[in-house]
Amino acid sequence: MSHVMVVDDEPQIRNILRVILEQEGYTVAEAEEGEMALKLHEENPCKLMILDIVMPGMEGLETLMHLRKQYPDVKVIMMSGGGKSLTMSFLPAATKLGAVKTFQKPFVLDEMVTAVRELIGPS
């Protein structure tokens, strides 16, 4: 099974993505901020990390930069709901820093599942 990690400070976002991805056959870990995500990744590496940009503690762009340095093979999808203008400026920055896909919240769940399949294959 392909291992995915969902990193978001909003429990409801983590939960819905975990449920949907587990229904698709993926194993899913959850973290509420970047430091926790990096620690969990060290313990049980994932193929794909779905990262929120705006979080307390280590936020998404900083986490992405750590991933690119330490784990360059991990694919990253970035998401943000930090307001239209805030999202517009952060999502392109995420792409420049190495995110392979970006989503503005709220996103369409089917589109997220399709992106996961495209990046790491079926479960």
C-alpha atoms as a PDB file:
ATOM      1  CA  MET A   1       0.000   0.000   0.000  1.00  0.00           C
ATOM      2  CA  SER A   2       1.144   3.543  -0.712  1.00  0.00           C
ATOM      3  CA  HIS A   3       1.671   5.687   2.357  1.00  0.00           C
ATOM      4  CA  VAL A   4       0.368   9.292   2.383  1.00  0.00           C
ATOM      5  CA  MET A   5       0.616  11.928   5.121  1.00  0.00           C
ATOM      6  CA  VAL A   6      -1.919  14.726   5.572  1.00  0.00           C
ATOM      7  CA  VAL A   7      -0.583  17.765   7.438  1.00  0.00           C
ATOM      8  CA  ASP A   8      -3.111  20.409   8.442  1.00  0.00           C
ATOM      9  CA  ASP A   9      -3.952  22.199  11.689  1.00  0.00           C
ATOM     10  CA  GLU A  10      -7.680  21.715  11.005  1.00  0.00           C
ATOM     11  CA  PRO A  11      -8.756  18.271  12.309  1.00  0.00           C
ATOM     12  CA  GLN A  12     -11.784  18.131   9.997  1.00  0.00           C
ATOM     13  CA  ILE A  13      -9.588  18.574   6.893  1.00  0.00           C
ATOM     14  CA  ARG A  14      -7.190  15.845   8.074  1.00  0.00           C
ATOM     15  CA  ASN A  15     -10.088  13.542   8.889  1.00  0.00           C
ATOM     16  CA  ILE A  16     -11.951  13.874   5.586  1.00  0.00           C
ATOM     17  CA  LEU A  17      -8.776  13.404   3.550  1.00  0.00           C
ATOM     18  CA  ARG A  18      -7.773  10.384   5.643  1.00  0.00           C
ATOM     19  CA  VAL A  19     -11.195   8.759   5.253  1.00  0.00           C
ATOM     20  CA  ILE A  20     -11.351   9.365   1.487  1.00  0.00           C
ATOM     21  CA  LEU A  21      -7.781   8.207   0.856  1.00  0.00           C
ATOM     22  CA  GLU A  22      -8.193   5.121   3.046  1.00  0.00           C
ATOM     23  CA  GLN A  23     -11.339   4.253   1.056  1.00  0.00           C
ATOM     24  CA  GLU A  24      -9.094   4.385  -2.020  1.00  0.00           C
ATOM     25  CA  GLY A  25      -6.732   1.911  -0.338  1.00  0.00           C
ATOM     26  CA  TYR A  26      -3.924   4.227   0.790  1.00  0.00           C
ATOM     27  CA  THR A  27      -2.464   4.151   4.295  1.00  0.00           C
ATOM     28  CA  VAL A  28      -2.689   7.619   5.806  1.00  0.00           C
ATOM     29  CA  ALA A  29      -0.870   9.320   8.662  1.00  0.00           C
ATOM     30  CA  GLU A  30      -1.895  12.689  10.082  1.00  0.00           C
ATOM     31  CA  ALA A  31       0.040  15.584  11.599  1.00  0.00           C
ATOM     32  CA  GLU A  32      -1.153  18.990  12.749  1.00  0.00           C
ATOM     33  CA  GLU A  33       2.039  20.908  11.927  1.00  0.00           C
ATOM     34  CA  GLY A  34       5.366  20.562  10.128  1.00  0.00           C
ATOM     35  CA  GLU A  35       7.706  19.426  12.911  1.00  0.00           C
ATOM     36  CA  MET A  36       5.369  16.586  13.799  1.00  0.00           C
ATOM     37  CA  ALA A  37       5.106  15.650  10.110  1.00  0.00           C
ATOM     38  CA  LEU A  38       8.887  15.460   9.694  1.00  0.00           C
ATOM     39  CA  LYS A  39       9.213  13.327  12.832  1.00  0.00           C
ATOM     40  CA  LEU A  40       6.469  10.946  11.683  1.00  0.00           C
ATOM     41  CA  HIS A  41       8.079  10.766   8.241  1.00  0.00           C
ATOM     42  CA  GLU A  42      11.404   9.727   9.806  1.00  0.00           C
ATOM     43  CA  GLU A  43       9.617   6.921  11.678  1.00  0.00           C
ATOM     44  CA  ASN A  44       7.460   5.759   8.749  1.00  0.00           C
ATOM     45  CA  PRO A  45       8.385   7.374   5.403  1.00  0.00           C
ATOM     46  CA  CYS A  46       5.583   8.406   3.090  1.00  0.00           C
ATOM     47  CA  LYS A  47       5.556   8.648  -0.696  1.00  0.00           C
ATOM     48  CA  LEU A  48       3.374  11.751  -0.689  1.00  0.00           C
ATOM     49  CA  MET A  49       2.719  14.566   1.771  1.00  0.00           C
ATOM     50  CA  ILE A  50      -0.337  16.797   1.494  1.00  0.00           C
ATOM     51  CA  LEU A  51       0.649  20.002   3.305  1.00  0.00           C
ATOM     52  CA  ASP A  52      -1.353  23.002   4.383  1.00  0.00           C
ATOM     53  CA  ILE A  53       0.561  26.261   4.047  1.00  0.00           C
ATOM     54  CA  VAL A  54      -0.740  28.277   7.003  1.00  0.00           C
ATOM     55  CA  MET A  55      -0.283  26.376  10.291  1.00  0.00           C
ATOM     56  CA  PRO A  56       1.009  27.201  13.755  1.00  0.00           C
ATOM     57  CA  GLY A  57       4.500  26.002  14.597  1.00  0.00           C
ATOM     58  CA  MET A  58       6.421  24.954  11.495  1.00  0.00           C
ATOM     59  CA  GLU A  59       4.233  26.130   8.620  1.00  0.00           C
ATOM     60  CA  GLY A  60       3.899  24.465   5.245  1.00  0.00           C
ATOM     61  CA  LEU A  61       6.498  26.307   3.153  1.00  0.00           C
ATOM     62  CA  GLU A  62       9.171  25.765   5.794  1.00  0.00           C
ATOM     63  CA  THR A  63       8.227  22.082   5.998  1.00  0.00           C
ATOM     64  CA  LEU A  64       8.417  21.847   2.209  1.00  0.00           C
ATOM     65  CA  MET A  65      11.938  23.318   2.232  1.00  0.00           C
ATOM     66  CA  HIS A  66      13.041  20.739   4.828  1.00  0.00           C
ATOM     67  CA  LEU A  67      11.534  17.936   2.755  1.00  0.00           C
ATOM     68  CA  ARG A  68      13.297  19.091  -0.409  1.00  0.00           C
ATOM     69  CA  LYS A  69      16.670  19.090   1.435  1.00  0.00           C
ATOM     70  CA  GLN A  70      16.298  15.896   3.450  1.00  0.00           C
ATOM     71  CA  TYR A  71      13.826  13.802   1.432  1.00  0.00           C
ATOM     72  CA  PRO A  72      13.844  14.999  -2.181  1.00  0.00           C
ATOM     73  CA  ASP A  73      11.920  11.953  -3.439  1.00  0.00           C
ATOM     74  CA  VAL A  74       8.804  12.690  -1.372  1.00  0.00           C
ATOM     75  CA  LYS A  75       6.125  14.205  -3.571  1.00  0.00           C
ATOM     76  CA  VAL A  76       4.279  17.187  -2.074  1.00  0.00           C
ATOM     77  CA  ILE A  77       0.830  18.633  -2.684  1.00  0.00           C
ATOM     78  CA  MET A  78       0.330  22.048  -1.047  1.00  0.00           C
ATOM     79  CA  MET A  79      -3.050  23.472  -0.101  1.00  0.00           C
ATOM     80  CA  SER A  80      -4.155  26.745   1.402  1.00  0.00           C
ATOM     81  CA  GLY A  81      -7.345  28.419   2.462  1.00  0.00           C
ATOM     82  CA  GLY A  82      -5.701  31.535   3.856  1.00  0.00           C
ATOM     83  CA  GLY A  83      -7.907  33.971   1.986  1.00  0.00           C
ATOM     84  CA  LYS A  84      -7.926  34.537  -1.751  1.00  0.00           C
ATOM     85  CA  SER A  85      -5.074  37.050  -1.979  1.00  0.00           C
ATOM     86  CA  LEU A  86      -2.943  35.207   0.589  1.00  0.00           C
ATOM     87  CA  THR A  87      -3.495  31.890  -1.181  1.00  0.00           C
ATOM     88  CA  MET A  88      -2.725  33.421  -4.548  1.00  0.00           C
ATOM     89  CA  SER A  89       0.722  34.514  -3.372  1.00  0.00           C
ATOM     90  CA  PHE A  90       1.660  31.383  -1.402  1.00  0.00           C
ATOM     91  CA  LEU A  91       0.640  28.678  -3.879  1.00  0.00           C
ATOM     92  CA  PRO A  92       2.987  29.865  -6.674  1.00  0.00           C
ATOM     93  CA  ALA A  93       5.788  30.108  -4.095  1.00  0.00           C
ATOM     94  CA  ALA A  94       5.060  26.510  -3.078  1.00  0.00           C
ATOM     95  CA  THR A  95       5.454  25.401  -6.698  1.00  0.00           C
ATOM     96  CA  LYS A  96       8.769  27.236  -6.986  1.00  0.00           C
ATOM     97  CA  LEU A  97       9.966  25.514  -3.802  1.00  0.00           C
ATOM     98  CA  GLY A  98       9.136  22.064  -5.146  1.00  0.00           C
ATOM     99  CA  ALA A  99       5.452  21.264  -4.622  1.00  0.00           C
ATOM    100  CA  VAL A 100       4.189  19.223  -7.563  1.00  0.00           C
ATOM    101  CA  LYS A 101       0.533  20.261  -7.226  1.00  0.00           C
ATOM    102  CA  THR A 102      -1.352  22.984  -5.364  1.00  0.00           C
ATOM    103  CA  PHE A 103      -4.967  23.306  -4.265  1.00  0.00           C
ATOM    104  CA  GLN A 104      -6.900  26.270  -2.923  1.00  0.00           C
ATOM    105  CA  LYS A 105      -9.354  25.401  -0.145  1.00  0.00           C
ATOM    106  CA  PRO A 106     -12.082  24.474  -0.437  1.00  0.00           C
ATOM    107  CA  PHE A 107     -11.020  21.905  -3.011  1.00  0.00           C
ATOM    108  CA  VAL A 108     -12.928  19.162  -4.795  1.00  0.00           C
ATOM    109  CA  LEU A 109     -12.205  15.825  -3.099  1.00  0.00           C
ATOM    110  CA  ASP A 110     -12.267  13.885  -6.379  1.00  0.00           C
ATOM    111  CA  GLU A 111      -9.626  16.226  -7.801  1.00  0.00           C
ATOM    112  CA  MET A 112      -7.395  15.634  -4.777  1.00  0.00           C
ATOM    113  CA  VAL A 113      -7.773  11.842  -5.091  1.00  0.00           C
ATOM    114  CA  THR A 114      -6.982  12.073  -8.807  1.00  0.00           C
ATOM    115  CA  ALA A 115      -3.855  14.107  -8.031  1.00  0.00           C
ATOM    116  CA  VAL A 116      -2.721  11.515  -5.474  1.00  0.00           C
ATOM    117  CA  ARG A 117      -3.220   8.704  -8.013  1.00  0.00           C
ATOM    118  CA  GLU A 118      -1.316  10.640 -10.683  1.00  0.00           C
ATOM    119  CA  LEU A 119       1.625  11.269  -8.357  1.00  0.00           C
ATOM    120  CA  ILE A 120       2.072   7.915  -6.619  1.00  0.00           C
ATOM    121  CA  GLY A 121      -0.145   5.537  -8.549  1.00  0.00           C
ATOM    122  CA  PRO A 122      -3.104   3.528  -7.364  1.00  0.00           C
ATOM    123  CA  SER A 123      -3.008   2.114  -3.858  1.00  0.00           C
END
